[in-house]
Amino acid sequence: MPDDLLELMRERIAVGLGREETRKAIEGWERTALLTLKDGRAYHFIVKDNDITVHEGPIDSPDIKIESDAETVRKLFMEEMSAASAILRRKLKVKGAASDLMRIRHIF
């Protein structure tokens, strides 16, 4: 069974990488992020070489930890909800260095 959320994230990241604002935000930045969903699924993001990739499964010692649910993540990637709004509504929890948190919004 294909993972529709994974495919959506990959498609929307590709769209985001087409934006100058996103490219500038990740230029020279190397980080890993772990996204854990309430249903137990996990994904990890690698920001490296001015690119962002997303993979199934956890990653050891991520720089950033993100917790949410599948519907909120879908809305974030479809730009139907902002990360700030999701955080305020307690639908999204993000842990990491403050400087990283300012950049991570360009992934979501």
Protein backbone atom coordinates (compact mmCIF):
# COMPACT_ATOMS: atom_id res chain seq x y z
CA MET A 1 0.00 0.00 0.00
CA PRO A 2 1.55 3.33 -1.03
CA ASP A 3 2.06 5.99 1.60
CA ASP A 4 0.02 8.93 0.31
CA LEU A 5 1.30 11.30 3.00
CA LEU A 6 4.92 10.54 2.12
CA GLU A 7 4.22 11.16 -1.57
CA LEU A 8 2.40 14.41 -0.75
CA MET A 9 5.32 15.63 1.36
CA ARG A 10 7.79 14.79 -1.42
CA GLU A 11 5.67 16.57 -4.04
CA ARG A 12 5.18 19.69 -1.93
CA ILE A 13 8.86 19.84 -0.96
CA ALA A 14 9.71 19.80 -4.68
CA VAL A 15 7.30 22.72 -5.17
CA GLY A 16 8.86 24.55 -2.21
CA LEU A 17 12.37 24.07 -3.57
CA GLY A 18 11.23 25.95 -6.65
CA ARG A 19 10.74 29.06 -4.51
CA GLU A 20 13.65 31.45 -4.07
CA GLU A 21 12.66 32.08 -0.43
CA THR A 22 12.98 28.37 0.39
CA ARG A 23 16.28 27.99 -1.45
CA LYS A 24 17.74 30.99 0.41
CA ALA A 25 16.50 29.67 3.78
CA ILE A 26 18.22 26.30 3.39
CA GLU A 27 21.38 27.48 1.63
CA GLY A 28 24.34 25.94 3.42
CA TRP A 29 22.06 24.53 6.14
CA GLU A 30 22.50 20.88 7.17
CA ARG A 31 19.99 19.42 9.60
CA THR A 32 17.86 16.37 10.22
CA ALA A 33 14.30 16.44 11.47
CA LEU A 34 12.12 13.66 12.83
CA LEU A 35 8.35 13.86 12.30
CA THR A 36 6.37 11.53 14.54
CA LEU A 37 2.63 11.19 13.97
CA LYS A 38 0.08 10.35 16.64
CA ASP A 39 -0.75 7.11 14.79
CA GLY A 40 2.84 5.93 15.29
CA ARG A 41 4.19 6.57 11.80
CA ALA A 42 7.52 8.36 11.58
CA TYR A 43 9.30 10.22 8.81
CA HIS A 44 12.61 11.99 8.70
CA PHE A 45 13.81 14.95 6.69
CA ILE A 46 17.37 15.61 5.64
CA VAL A 47 18.36 19.13 4.68
CA LYS A 48 21.75 18.97 3.00
CA ASP A 49 23.48 20.30 -0.11
CA ASN A 50 20.70 22.86 -0.63
CA ASP A 51 18.12 20.07 -0.93
CA ILE A 52 15.42 18.56 1.28
CA THR A 53 14.59 14.86 1.20
CA VAL A 54 11.97 13.00 3.21
CA HIS A 55 12.07 9.31 4.08
CA GLU A 56 9.94 6.80 5.93
CA GLY A 57 10.97 5.78 9.41
CA PRO A 58 12.82 7.38 12.31
CA ILE A 59 16.36 8.73 12.38
CA ASP A 60 18.82 8.67 15.28
CA SER A 61 19.63 11.96 17.04
CA PRO A 62 17.61 14.40 14.91
CA ASP A 63 18.39 18.11 15.20
CA ILE A 64 14.67 18.92 15.22
CA LYS A 65 11.76 16.88 16.58
CA ILE A 66 8.25 17.43 15.27
CA GLU A 67 5.05 15.85 16.59
CA SER A 68 1.65 16.12 14.94
CA ASP A 69 -1.16 14.16 13.31
CA ALA A 70 -1.51 13.17 9.65
CA GLU A 71 -4.34 15.63 8.91
CA THR A 72 -2.42 18.62 10.29
CA VAL A 73 0.70 17.63 8.34
CA ARG A 74 -1.40 17.32 5.18
CA LYS A 75 -2.85 20.81 5.77
CA LEU A 76 0.61 22.26 6.40
CA PHE A 77 2.01 20.86 3.18
CA MET A 78 -1.07 21.91 1.19
CA GLU A 79 -0.68 25.41 2.67
CA GLU A 80 -4.18 25.24 4.17
CA MET A 81 -2.73 25.96 7.63
CA SER A 82 0.38 27.80 8.76
CA ALA A 83 2.90 26.27 11.12
CA ALA A 84 2.31 29.17 13.53
CA SER A 85 -1.43 28.46 13.57
CA ALA A 86 -0.85 24.73 14.09
CA ILE A 87 1.50 25.44 17.00
CA LEU A 88 -0.97 27.85 18.61
CA ARG A 89 -3.74 25.26 18.27
CA ARG A 90 -1.44 22.64 19.79
CA LYS A 91 -1.69 20.54 16.64
CA LEU A 92 2.05 20.80 16.05
CA LYS A 93 4.93 20.52 18.51
CA VAL A 94 8.44 21.42 17.39
CA LYS A 95 11.60 21.07 19.48
CA GLY A 96 14.99 22.33 18.40
CA ALA A 97 17.30 25.32 18.42
CA ALA A 98 15.54 28.67 17.92
CA SER A 99 17.55 29.40 14.78
CA ASP A 100 16.50 26.04 13.31
CA LEU A 101 12.85 26.68 14.13
CA MET A 102 12.94 29.89 12.10
CA ARG A 103 14.17 27.95 9.07
CA ILE A 104 12.01 24.83 9.45
CA ARG A 105 8.92 26.84 8.54
CA HIS A 106 10.21 26.81 4.96
CA ILE A 107 9.75 23.04 4.86
CA PHE A 108 6.15 23.26 6.08
